Amino acid sequence: MKTPFSKALQEKIETSKKGSEIYKHVHRLNFIDYIVYYIINSKFRRSVHLQNWIKKQIGNETIEALGKKFRKILNVDDRMKAILKHWRNGYGNLDYVGDKTTYGTNEYWATVDEILEKKKDDCIEENELIICYSNEEGYYHKKIKDIVVGEHVMSYNFKEQKLEDKQVLRVINKGKKPVNEYRVNGQYMFKATDNHIVFDKLGNEIYIKDILKKQQRDKQILNLKSLNNISNNSNLNHDDMFLIGQYLSEGWKCGKRVYLSGDDYGLQEHIKNLFKRNNIKYSQSNRRKHAYFEILDKEYKKLLSQFGNNAFKKTIPSYITKLDKSFLETLYFSFIIGDGYFDKNKKNGNYGWCTSSTKLKDDLLLISMLIDKVPIIYYQRKHGGFGNKPIWRAEYNFGSHRRNEKMNNLCSTSIGFKKYCGFMNVYDIEVEDNHNFILSNGTLVHNCDGFMTIIYLTAKASGISDYRIYCVAGLVEGGAHAYVIYRANNGLEFPIDGSYWPNTSYSMKTPYFLRKSYNYGETEWWRFNASGSYKTS
């Protein structure tokens, strides 16, 4: 059978005396080809033993010190569980990134030093907003530091090319790290470490720092173009949505009184017609300039009060995101009528809006995603308008590249470096299945894992005998995978898996040969440990 290696490499394999030297030549080759050749070629199998590689990792000072700590746990089963929990939830907090992203090759067996080094800086600044979802609330934003395990965040399934809400499995406080501010889509900023992973315009994982090294036309990342509309029934109608839009832009609450203002005579007449059509009690000022309406209807005052008291505190309750797209469009464009513009003179036509409320800016961005009208947003300190405080401005151009969908719900947008922010508190979250989540500005980012080697070495350093622990590679549900197999006190084997199924690893209730997710242990390619044992299926 033809081998997957070059003739020169075969000669090196046949003549080499040390398995560790051979490993240098083969570990960067295609993983599947390597395994197939390892299994079928007896000469190669005799000359290459991966335990030589794992043995070289033994003695790492960090792992040895950790092992001594765990030796105090006398029950070996409890010791194994504690090791897994440490790397999942404690000091370790190992991160998952693809080997291609981390090491520049599709399959790479990292040393313990490389694993500990690579786990350091894959984080988001603690106040960055994440797009969350619940059946009760609809879509909403939440700071990454405030997200709790079990909460659902929006995530992207690249295989099926669709948005999904996925459960948060773990929230990781990574302490203070050096943080940069990045500009996305022209002006919108977010803060993260330079080792955080985003997705390039083709959907490949890439560090932020690496994509910034590319040519200008390739400094593009995937961004959210639209959210899926929920379309729940509501007691609100289109007239309500128009009035809510007007309140968000030109309304305020003073004590128990609620007002709407507007100088445009045609708009005043339209609002009066809406009041009359919906039996909403009101009064109107006598003056023509700076005219206003006072809402007298008790229930309607209560409704509008949910949207904030003044220009700096305006907000949109999350239940509004559950309404039909046409309702959201009515609210959105009513707001633009009051606090924005429509420019028909532009070549492609555009419109925009502004607000002094950061919360309302985020809420309107969420609404714009639900109606597929995401604008460019920027912060303007010197605007020449009323008041001295900076404002948020949004502009939507009908000819924008953001209208060009790369995948369902996703488009590409530019990213650039803004400034270094110093050391800041940072977080990461682990999301089930898709292993990614979406920032409030639509940026799609990756989350974290990476465990077999580090768990095995920690277990060995803690005094667990080699006949009880193995590094295993094989097929599981979802494809190729590497994990640890542990022989428990009762003599049965259990998978210890920090990546795919950690919760069942903690419990140790179902033995390996009964685990359907691991194909009942029947699809192992091989297993090894520092003593050199291996097995092929």
Protein backbone atom coordinates (compact mmCIF):
# COMPACT_ATOMS: atom_id res chain seq x y z
CA MET A 1 0.00 0.00 0.00
CA LYS A 2 1.27 3.47 -0.84
CA THR A 3 2.24 5.40 2.26
CA PRO A 4 1.26 9.04 2.80
CA PHE A 5 4.90 10.00 3.38
CA SER A 6 7.59 11.15 1.01
CA LYS A 7 10.42 8.73 0.14
CA ALA A 8 12.92 10.90 2.02
CA LEU A 9 10.77 10.85 5.12
CA GLN A 10 10.34 7.08 4.92
CA GLU A 11 14.10 6.71 4.93
CA LYS A 12 14.34 8.89 8.01
CA ILE A 13 11.66 6.82 9.71
CA GLU A 14 13.40 3.56 8.93
CA THR A 15 16.82 4.72 10.03
CA SER A 16 15.91 6.82 13.07
CA LYS A 17 16.70 5.30 16.47
CA LYS A 18 14.62 7.63 18.60
CA GLY A 19 10.84 7.89 18.46
CA SER A 20 11.00 11.51 19.56
CA GLU A 21 13.12 12.41 16.52
CA ILE A 22 10.65 10.70 14.20
CA TYR A 23 7.80 12.56 15.80
CA LYS A 24 9.32 15.87 14.72
CA HIS A 25 8.83 14.79 11.11
CA VAL A 26 5.36 13.36 11.36
CA HIS A 27 3.40 15.48 13.83
CA ARG A 28 2.69 18.18 11.25
CA LEU A 29 1.29 15.73 8.69
CA ASN A 30 -2.38 15.08 8.17
CA PHE A 31 -3.62 13.39 11.33
CA ILE A 32 -5.80 10.74 9.65
CA ASP A 33 -3.06 9.73 7.20
CA TYR A 34 -0.62 9.45 10.07
CA ILE A 35 -2.91 7.25 12.12
CA VAL A 36 -3.79 4.99 9.17
CA TYR A 37 -0.12 4.48 8.36
CA TYR A 38 0.73 3.94 12.02
CA ILE A 39 -1.86 1.15 12.27
CA ILE A 40 -1.15 -0.73 9.01
CA ASN A 41 2.64 -0.51 8.81
CA SER A 42 4.30 -2.82 11.34
CA LYS A 43 7.84 -1.41 10.78
CA PHE A 44 6.58 2.08 11.47
CA ARG A 45 4.68 0.85 14.49
CA ARG A 46 7.80 -0.80 15.92
CA SER A 47 9.99 2.25 15.43
CA VAL A 48 7.62 5.00 16.54
CA HIS A 49 6.13 5.05 20.01
CA LEU A 50 4.23 8.13 20.98
CA GLN A 51 4.90 7.40 24.62
CA ASN A 52 8.39 8.80 24.00
CA TRP A 53 6.71 12.09 23.33
CA ILE A 54 4.42 11.95 26.36
CA LYS A 55 7.34 10.92 28.58
CA LYS A 56 9.19 14.07 27.55
CA GLN A 57 6.36 16.13 29.04
CA ILE A 58 6.71 14.55 32.49
CA GLY A 59 8.51 16.75 35.01
CA ASN A 60 6.92 20.09 34.13
CA GLU A 61 7.24 22.17 37.33
CA THR A 62 3.69 23.54 37.19
CA ILE A 63 2.14 20.11 36.68
CA GLU A 64 4.35 18.41 39.30
CA ALA A 65 3.43 20.99 41.93
CA LEU A 66 -0.23 20.56 41.04
CA GLY A 67 0.11 16.78 41.25
CA LYS A 68 1.42 17.00 44.82
CA LYS A 69 -1.65 18.99 45.78
CA PHE A 70 -3.99 16.34 44.40
CA ARG A 71 -2.12 13.48 46.09
CA LYS A 72 -3.76 14.60 49.32
CA ILE A 73 -7.07 13.26 47.97
CA LEU A 74 -6.77 9.61 48.95
CA ASN A 75 -9.76 8.25 47.01
CA VAL A 76 -8.36 7.93 43.49
CA ASP A 77 -11.75 8.36 41.80
CA ASP A 78 -12.30 11.62 43.68
CA ARG A 79 -8.77 12.68 42.78
CA MET A 80 -9.45 12.16 39.07
CA LYS A 81 -12.67 14.17 39.27
CA ALA A 82 -10.87 16.98 41.12
CA ILE A 83 -8.21 17.16 38.40
CA LEU A 84 -10.84 17.49 35.69
CA LYS A 85 -12.72 20.14 37.66
CA HIS A 86 -9.51 22.07 38.22
CA TRP A 87 -8.76 22.40 34.53
CA ARG A 88 -12.37 23.11 33.67
CA ASN A 89 -13.34 25.58 36.38
CA GLY A 90 -10.39 26.57 38.52
CA TYR A 91 -6.97 28.06 37.93
CA GLY A 92 -6.51 26.19 34.68
CA ASN A 93 -9.45 27.36 32.57
CA LEU A 94 -8.00 25.80 29.45
CA ASP A 95 -9.13 27.31 26.17
CA TYR A 96 -10.25 25.68 22.98
CA VAL A 97 -9.04 26.98 19.67
CA GLY A 98 -8.52 25.10 16.45
CA ASP A 99 -5.05 23.70 15.88
CA LYS A 100 -4.86 25.56 12.57
CA THR A 101 -5.37 28.84 14.38
CA THR A 102 -3.13 28.08 17.35
CA TYR A 103 -0.20 26.24 15.79
CA GLY A 104 -0.54 26.80 12.03
CA THR A 105 -1.33 23.17 11.14
CA ASN A 106 -4.52 21.12 11.05
CA GLU A 107 -3.44 18.61 13.72
CA TYR A 108 -0.78 19.35 16.31
CA TRP A 109 -0.02 17.56 19.57
CA ALA A 110 0.99 20.45 21.82
CA THR A 111 3.43 20.05 24.70
CA VAL A 112 2.30 20.94 28.19
CA ASP A 113 4.29 24.20 28.05
CA GLU A 114 2.59 25.14 24.79
CA ILE A 115 -0.84 24.37 26.23
CA LEU A 116 -0.21 26.48 29.32
CA GLU A 117 1.16 29.28 27.18
CA LYS A 118 -1.64 29.23 24.63
CA LYS A 119 -4.38 29.43 27.26
CA LYS A 120 -3.46 32.89 28.46
CA ASP A 121 -5.19 35.68 26.61
CA ASP A 122 -8.30 34.59 24.70
CA CYS A 123 -10.74 37.01 26.37
CA ILE A 124 -13.34 39.78 26.10
CA GLU A 125 -13.39 42.89 28.32
CA GLU A 126 -15.86 42.35 31.18
CA ASN A 127 -18.33 45.09 30.15
CA GLU A 128 -18.76 44.01 26.53
CA LEU A 129 -22.36 43.16 25.71
CA ILE A 130 -23.40 39.73 24.41
CA ILE A 131 -26.64 39.04 22.51
CA CYS A 132 -28.78 36.72 24.65
CA TYR A 133 -32.17 35.11 24.14
CA SER A 134 -34.99 33.59 26.17
CA ASN A 135 -38.53 32.54 25.26
CA GLU A 136 -39.89 34.84 27.95
CA GLU A 137 -37.86 37.98 27.21
CA GLY A 138 -36.92 37.64 23.55
CA TYR A 139 -33.54 39.09 22.53
CA TYR A 140 -31.57 41.18 24.99
CA HIS A 141 -28.03 42.36 25.77
CA LYS A 142 -26.04 41.42 28.82
CA LYS A 143 -22.50 42.17 29.95
CA ILE A 144 -20.28 39.12 29.61
CA LYS A 145 -19.33 39.33 33.30
CA ASP A 146 -23.01 39.12 34.32
CA ILE A 147 -23.93 36.09 32.20
CA VAL A 148 -24.73 32.98 34.24
CA VAL A 149 -24.39 29.29 33.44
CA GLY A 150 -27.59 28.00 31.84
CA GLU A 151 -28.41 31.29 30.15
CA HIS A 152 -28.77 31.19 26.36
CA VAL A 153 -26.70 33.33 23.98
CA MET A 154 -26.95 33.69 20.24
CA SER A 155 -24.51 31.49 18.36
CA TYR A 156 -23.84 30.48 14.75
CA ASN A 157 -23.99 26.93 13.39
CA PHE A 158 -21.51 26.99 10.47
CA LYS A 159 -22.38 23.47 9.36
CA GLU A 160 -26.07 24.28 8.82
CA GLN A 161 -25.44 28.01 8.29
CA LYS A 162 -28.03 29.24 10.74
CA LEU A 163 -28.34 31.22 13.96
CA GLU A 164 -29.15 29.30 17.12
CA ASP A 165 -29.59 30.16 20.78
CA LYS A 166 -27.21 27.97 22.76
CA GLN A 167 -26.70 27.37 26.46
CA VAL A 168 -23.73 28.81 28.33
CA LEU A 169 -21.82 25.95 29.94
CA ARG A 170 -19.18 27.96 31.75
CA VAL A 171 -18.34 31.58 32.60
CA ILE A 172 -14.61 32.17 33.03
CA ASN A 173 -13.15 35.13 34.90
CA LYS A 174 -9.60 35.38 33.54
CA GLY A 175 -8.47 38.31 35.66
CA LYS A 176 -6.59 41.31 34.30
CA LYS A 177 -5.07 41.05 30.82
CA PRO A 178 -3.71 43.59 28.31
CA VAL A 179 -6.70 44.77 26.28
CA ASN A 180 -7.02 46.63 22.97
CA GLU A 181 -9.95 48.51 21.51
CA TYR A 182 -10.89 47.54 17.96
CA ARG A 183 -12.96 49.39 15.38
CA VAL A 184 -15.56 47.35 13.53
CA ASN A 185 -17.69 48.49 10.59
CA GLY A 186 -16.04 51.89 10.38
CA GLN A 187 -16.54 53.18 13.92
CA TYR A 188 -18.20 50.72 16.31
CA MET A 189 -15.71 49.68 19.02
CA PHE A 190 -15.23 46.62 21.19
CA LYS A 191 -12.49 45.62 23.65
CA ALA A 192 -10.65 42.28 23.72
CA THR A 193 -7.22 40.71 24.04
CA ASP A 194 -5.30 40.39 20.78
CA ASN A 195 -5.44 36.58 21.05
CA HIS A 196 -9.21 36.49 20.92
CA ILE A 197 -10.59 34.60 17.95
CA VAL A 198 -12.95 36.02 15.37
CA PHE A 199 -13.98 34.56 12.00
CA ASP A 200 -12.62 35.86 8.71
CA LYS A 201 -14.95 36.47 5.75
CA LEU A 202 -14.66 32.80 4.72
CA GLY A 203 -15.63 31.56 8.18
CA ASN A 204 -12.14 30.51 9.29
CA GLU A 205 -11.00 31.04 12.89
CA ILE A 206 -8.32 33.69 13.21
CA TYR A 207 -6.74 35.73 15.99
CA ILE A 208 -7.61 39.42 15.91
CA LYS A 209 -3.89 40.26 15.92
CA ASP A 210 -3.32 38.05 12.86
CA ILE A 211 -6.14 39.41 10.74
CA LEU A 212 -4.82 42.92 11.33
CA LYS A 213 -1.57 41.87 9.62
CA LYS A 214 -3.40 41.17 6.36
CA GLN A 215 -3.76 43.55 3.42
CA GLN A 216 -6.47 46.16 3.87
CA ARG A 217 -9.00 44.42 1.60
CA ASP A 218 -8.63 41.20 3.65
CA LYS A 219 -9.12 42.85 7.05
CA GLN A 220 -12.68 41.57 7.03
CA ILE A 221 -14.50 39.57 9.70
CA LEU A 222 -17.93 37.97 9.80
CA ASN A 223 -20.56 40.12 11.41
CA LEU A 224 -24.25 39.65 12.12
CA LYS A 225 -26.42 41.01 9.33
CA SER A 226 -29.81 40.00 10.68
CA LEU A 227 -31.49 38.18 13.56
CA ASN A 228 -34.34 35.73 13.14
CA ASN A 229 -37.71 37.38 13.75
CA ILE A 230 -39.86 35.78 16.47
CA SER A 231 -43.27 37.22 15.45
CA ASN A 232 -45.28 36.67 18.64
CA ASN A 233 -48.80 38.02 19.04
CA SER A 234 -49.22 41.23 21.02
CA ASN A 235 -51.91 43.61 22.23
CA LEU A 236 -49.94 46.43 20.62
CA ASN A 237 -50.79 47.61 17.10
CA HIS A 238 -48.99 49.66 14.43
CA ASP A 239 -50.39 52.91 15.85
CA ASP A 240 -48.87 52.03 19.24
CA MET A 241 -45.51 51.31 17.62
CA PHE A 242 -45.54 54.67 15.83
CA LEU A 243 -46.34 56.52 19.07
CA ILE A 244 -43.65 54.57 20.93
CA GLY A 245 -41.14 55.59 18.24
CA GLN A 246 -42.18 59.22 18.70
CA TYR A 247 -41.83 58.96 22.48
CA LEU A 248 -38.35 57.46 22.14
CA SER A 249 -37.27 60.35 19.92
CA GLU A 250 -39.28 63.35 21.15
CA GLY A 251 -40.95 62.34 24.41
CA TRP A 252 -40.18 62.66 28.10
CA LYS A 253 -41.62 62.02 31.55
CA CYS A 254 -41.66 64.62 34.32
CA GLY A 255 -42.96 63.29 37.62
CA LYS A 256 -46.19 61.50 36.75
CA ARG A 257 -46.71 63.43 33.52
CA VAL A 258 -45.80 62.05 30.09
CA TYR A 259 -45.29 64.26 27.00
CA LEU A 260 -44.71 64.06 23.25
CA SER A 261 -43.34 67.07 21.35
CA GLY A 262 -42.93 68.07 17.72
CA ASP A 263 -42.96 71.23 15.57
CA ASP A 264 -44.02 69.63 12.30
CA TYR A 265 -47.69 70.50 11.74
CA GLY A 266 -48.37 67.47 9.56
CA LEU A 267 -46.86 65.16 12.17
CA GLN A 268 -48.93 66.81 14.91
CA GLU A 269 -52.10 66.14 12.96
CA HIS A 270 -51.11 62.53 12.36
CA ILE A 271 -50.44 61.96 16.09
CA LYS A 272 -53.82 63.50 16.97
CA ASN A 273 -55.53 61.11 14.56
CA LEU A 274 -53.76 58.16 16.19
CA PHE A 275 -54.87 59.31 19.65
CA LYS A 276 -58.47 59.62 18.50
CA ARG A 277 -58.48 56.31 16.60
CA ASN A 278 -57.23 54.43 19.67
CA ASN A 279 -59.29 56.36 22.26
CA ILE A 280 -56.19 57.73 23.99
CA LYS A 281 -56.95 60.78 26.14
CA TYR A 282 -54.59 63.72 25.61
CA SER A 283 -54.24 67.47 25.77
CA GLN A 284 -52.32 69.76 23.36
CA SER A 285 -50.38 72.96 24.01
CA ASN A 286 -51.67 76.17 22.39
CA ARG A 287 -48.33 77.22 20.93
CA ARG A 288 -47.30 76.28 17.40
CA LYS A 289 -43.53 76.37 17.99
CA HIS A 290 -42.16 73.81 20.45
CA ALA A 291 -45.64 72.32 20.62
CA TYR A 292 -46.29 69.25 22.71
CA PHE A 293 -48.97 66.74 23.72
CA GLU A 294 -49.60 65.53 27.26
CA ILE A 295 -50.81 61.95 27.57
CA LEU A 296 -53.76 61.78 29.98
CA ASP A 297 -54.64 58.11 29.58
CA LYS A 298 -53.38 56.28 32.69
CA GLU A 299 -52.63 52.96 30.96
CA TYR A 300 -50.89 54.64 28.05
CA LYS A 301 -48.69 56.66 30.40
CA LYS A 302 -47.71 53.41 32.07
CA LEU A 303 -46.87 51.89 28.64
CA LEU A 304 -44.67 54.80 27.49
CA SER A 305 -42.95 55.06 30.89
CA GLN A 306 -41.37 51.64 30.22
CA PHE A 307 -39.22 53.29 27.54
CA GLY A 308 -37.38 55.71 29.86
CA ASN A 309 -37.79 59.19 31.30
CA ASN A 310 -35.50 61.43 29.27
CA ALA A 311 -33.10 61.52 26.33
CA PHE A 312 -30.21 60.04 28.33
CA LYS A 313 -32.20 57.16 29.84
CA LYS A 314 -34.31 55.96 26.92
CA THR A 315 -34.50 52.19 26.40
CA ILE A 316 -36.55 49.52 24.61
CA PRO A 317 -37.85 46.62 26.77
CA SER A 318 -36.74 43.21 25.51
CA TYR A 319 -40.31 41.95 24.97
CA ILE A 320 -40.59 44.34 22.01
CA THR A 321 -38.05 42.17 20.13
CA LYS A 322 -40.63 39.35 20.06
CA LEU A 323 -43.00 41.36 17.83
CA ASP A 324 -43.52 40.91 14.11
CA LYS A 325 -40.96 42.48 11.77
CA SER A 326 -43.49 44.98 10.37
CA PHE A 327 -44.24 46.25 13.90
CA LEU A 328 -40.54 46.73 14.57
CA GLU A 329 -40.11 48.60 11.28
CA THR A 330 -42.92 50.99 12.27
CA LEU A 331 -41.21 51.76 15.59
CA TYR A 332 -37.77 52.08 14.00
CA PHE A 333 -38.77 54.48 11.23
CA SER A 334 -41.04 56.49 13.54
CA PHE A 335 -37.98 57.07 15.71
CA ILE A 336 -36.05 58.24 12.62
CA ILE A 337 -38.86 60.68 11.76
CA GLY A 338 -38.39 62.23 15.21
CA ASP A 339 -34.63 61.96 15.74
CA GLY A 340 -33.12 61.23 12.35
CA TYR A 341 -33.16 62.03 8.65
CA PHE A 342 -33.89 60.56 5.24
CA ASP A 343 -31.50 61.69 2.49
CA LYS A 344 -32.87 60.97 -0.98
CA ASN A 345 -30.12 62.97 -2.69
CA LYS A 346 -27.44 60.36 -2.02
CA LYS A 347 -26.55 58.08 -4.92
CA ASN A 348 -27.90 54.97 -3.22
CA GLY A 349 -30.15 56.75 -0.74
CA ASN A 350 -29.60 56.57 3.01
CA TYR A 351 -30.98 57.54 6.39
CA GLY A 352 -29.71 57.94 9.93
CA TRP A 353 -30.55 58.64 13.54
CA CYS A 354 -28.91 59.84 16.73
CA THR A 355 -29.39 59.38 20.46
CA SER A 356 -27.77 60.46 23.72
CA SER A 357 -28.66 57.17 25.39
CA THR A 358 -26.06 54.39 25.13
CA LYS A 359 -28.69 51.84 26.17
CA LEU A 360 -31.10 53.02 23.47
CA LYS A 361 -28.29 52.85 20.91
CA ASP A 362 -27.73 49.18 21.78
CA ASP A 363 -31.46 48.46 21.73
CA LEU A 364 -31.95 50.14 18.35
CA LEU A 365 -29.01 48.17 16.97
CA LEU A 366 -30.79 44.99 18.09
CA ILE A 367 -34.02 46.15 16.40
CA SER A 368 -32.08 46.99 13.22
CA MET A 369 -30.75 43.41 13.15
CA LEU A 370 -34.30 42.07 13.42
CA ILE A 371 -35.44 44.13 10.41
CA ASP A 372 -32.20 43.56 8.44
CA LYS A 373 -31.25 47.25 8.41
CA VAL A 374 -27.98 47.32 10.39
CA PRO A 375 -26.35 50.77 10.26
CA ILE A 376 -22.85 52.08 10.84
CA ILE A 377 -22.69 53.52 14.37
CA TYR A 378 -20.18 56.00 15.71
CA TYR A 379 -19.69 58.23 18.75
CA GLN A 380 -19.60 61.98 18.10
CA ARG A 381 -18.19 64.27 20.77
CA LYS A 382 -18.50 67.58 18.89
CA HIS A 383 -21.82 67.51 17.08
CA GLY A 384 -22.99 71.13 17.17
CA GLY A 385 -26.42 70.11 18.39
CA PHE A 386 -28.38 70.75 21.55
CA GLY A 387 -26.45 70.03 24.77
CA ASN A 388 -22.78 69.46 25.43
CA LYS A 389 -22.77 65.69 25.91
CA PRO A 390 -21.55 63.40 23.10
CA ILE A 391 -24.12 61.49 21.08
CA TRP A 392 -24.32 58.24 19.14
CA ARG A 393 -24.95 58.56 15.41
CA ALA A 394 -26.11 55.83 13.05
CA GLU A 395 -26.08 55.86 9.26
CA TYR A 396 -27.55 53.30 6.91
CA ASN A 397 -26.53 53.26 3.26
CA PHE A 398 -28.59 51.13 0.87
CA GLY A 399 -25.43 50.45 -1.13
CA SER A 400 -23.39 49.30 1.88
CA HIS A 401 -21.35 46.09 1.63
CA ARG A 402 -23.16 45.01 4.80
CA ARG A 403 -26.10 44.15 2.53
CA ASN A 404 -23.94 41.49 0.83
CA GLU A 405 -24.70 38.30 2.70
CA LYS A 406 -21.72 35.92 3.01
CA MET A 407 -23.72 33.20 4.80
CA ASN A 408 -27.27 33.12 6.10
CA ASN A 409 -27.64 36.01 8.59
CA LEU A 410 -23.95 36.97 8.23
CA CYS A 411 -22.04 39.56 6.24
CA SER A 412 -18.42 40.69 6.30
CA THR A 413 -17.22 43.98 7.69
CA SER A 414 -13.90 45.70 8.27
CA ILE A 415 -11.89 45.57 11.49
CA GLY A 416 -9.09 47.88 12.59
CA PHE A 417 -6.97 48.69 15.63
CA LYS A 418 -8.14 51.69 17.65
CA LYS A 419 -5.98 51.93 20.79
CA TYR A 420 -4.31 50.07 23.65
CA CYS A 421 -6.43 50.26 26.81
CA GLY A 422 -4.04 48.80 29.40
CA PHE A 423 -4.75 45.91 31.77
CA MET A 424 -8.46 45.30 32.29
CA ASN A 425 -10.68 42.58 33.76
CA VAL A 426 -11.59 40.06 31.06
CA TYR A 427 -13.98 37.11 30.70
CA ASP A 428 -14.77 34.28 28.35
CA ILE A 429 -17.77 31.98 28.13
CA GLU A 430 -18.06 28.41 26.93
CA VAL A 431 -21.06 27.83 24.66
CA GLU A 432 -22.48 24.40 23.86
CA ASP A 433 -22.12 22.83 20.39
CA ASN A 434 -21.15 25.81 18.21
CA HIS A 435 -18.46 27.22 20.55
CA ASN A 436 -19.07 30.83 19.49
CA PHE A 437 -21.19 33.79 20.57
CA ILE A 438 -22.10 37.22 19.23
CA LEU A 439 -21.23 40.64 20.62
CA SER A 440 -23.86 43.38 20.71
CA ASN A 441 -22.36 44.97 17.58
CA GLY A 442 -22.79 41.67 15.72
CA THR A 443 -19.16 40.52 15.84
CA LEU A 444 -18.95 36.71 15.88
CA VAL A 445 -16.28 35.47 18.29
CA HIS A 446 -15.00 32.10 19.46
CA ASN A 447 -14.85 30.51 22.90
CA CYS A 448 -12.53 28.01 24.59
CA ASP A 449 -11.13 24.11 25.34
CA GLY A 450 -8.06 21.69 25.13
CA PHE A 451 -7.44 18.94 27.62
CA MET A 452 -6.20 15.39 26.97
CA THR A 453 -2.47 15.94 27.46
CA ILE A 454 -2.77 18.24 30.46
CA ILE A 455 -5.27 16.01 32.29
CA TYR A 456 -3.19 12.87 31.71
CA LEU A 457 0.01 14.52 32.95
CA THR A 458 -1.67 16.00 36.01
CA ALA A 459 -3.18 12.61 36.86
CA LYS A 460 0.22 10.94 36.52
CA ALA A 461 1.90 13.63 38.62
CA SER A 462 -0.73 13.03 41.31
CA GLY A 463 0.42 9.41 41.62
CA ILE A 464 -2.25 7.63 39.54
CA SER A 465 -0.66 4.53 38.01
CA ASP A 466 -0.23 4.22 34.25
CA TYR A 467 -2.31 1.07 34.06
CA ARG A 468 -5.28 3.25 35.10
CA ILE A 469 -4.87 6.18 32.67
CA TYR A 470 -4.48 6.32 28.88
CA CYS A 471 -4.43 8.98 26.20
CA VAL A 472 -6.92 7.89 23.53
CA ALA A 473 -7.69 9.03 19.98
CA GLY A 474 -10.58 7.78 17.89
CA LEU A 475 -13.96 8.49 16.37
CA VAL A 476 -16.80 9.76 18.55
CA GLU A 477 -20.15 11.33 17.73
CA GLY A 478 -19.18 14.48 15.86
CA GLY A 479 -15.90 13.19 14.40
CA ALA A 480 -12.28 12.66 15.48
CA HIS A 481 -11.48 13.32 19.11
CA ALA A 482 -8.80 12.88 21.79
CA TYR A 483 -9.54 12.25 25.45
CA VAL A 484 -8.36 10.38 28.57
CA ILE A 485 -9.58 6.92 29.64
CA TYR A 486 -9.46 6.22 33.38
CA ARG A 487 -9.86 2.83 35.11
CA ALA A 488 -11.90 3.51 38.26
CA ASN A 489 -11.76 1.81 41.65
CA ASN A 490 -14.46 -0.63 40.53
CA GLY A 491 -12.31 -1.79 37.60
CA LEU A 492 -14.48 -0.18 34.90
CA GLU A 493 -13.15 2.34 32.38
CA PHE A 494 -14.60 5.84 32.15
CA PRO A 495 -13.82 8.66 29.67
CA ILE A 496 -12.37 11.79 31.28
CA ASP A 497 -13.19 14.43 28.73
CA GLY A 498 -12.67 18.13 29.34
CA SER A 499 -13.84 19.09 25.85
CA TYR A 500 -17.04 17.43 24.67
CA TRP A 501 -18.83 15.80 27.62
CA PRO A 502 -17.29 17.06 30.88
CA ASN A 503 -20.41 16.77 33.04
CA THR A 504 -20.73 13.02 32.49
CA SER A 505 -17.00 12.72 33.16
CA TYR A 506 -17.53 14.30 36.58
CA SER A 507 -20.29 11.86 37.48
CA MET A 508 -18.57 8.63 36.36
CA LYS A 509 -21.94 6.88 36.25
CA THR A 510 -21.88 5.29 32.80
CA PRO A 511 -18.81 3.21 31.88
CA TYR A 512 -16.97 3.65 28.59
CA PHE A 513 -18.38 0.52 26.92
CA LEU A 514 -21.95 1.82 27.43
CA ARG A 515 -21.33 5.35 26.15
CA LYS A 516 -23.05 5.81 22.78
CA SER A 517 -21.37 9.20 22.29
CA TYR A 518 -17.99 7.38 22.26
CA ASN A 519 -19.35 4.61 20.00
CA TYR A 520 -19.14 2.27 22.99
CA GLY A 521 -15.33 2.44 22.82
CA GLU A 522 -15.31 0.41 19.60
CA THR A 523 -13.83 3.06 17.30
CA GLU A 524 -10.55 3.85 19.03
CA TRP A 525 -7.60 4.34 16.69
CA TRP A 526 -5.08 3.87 19.48
CA ARG A 527 -4.30 4.60 23.10
CA PHE A 528 -0.98 5.23 24.81
CA ASN A 529 0.61 6.40 28.05
CA ALA A 530 4.14 6.91 29.36
CA SER A 531 4.59 3.16 29.72
CA GLY A 532 4.06 2.63 26.01
CA SER A 533 0.81 0.68 25.93
CA TYR A 534 -1.32 1.09 22.84
CA LYS A 535 -4.29 -0.54 21.25
CA THR A 536 -5.86 -0.32 17.80
CA SER A 537 -9.37 -1.19 16.73
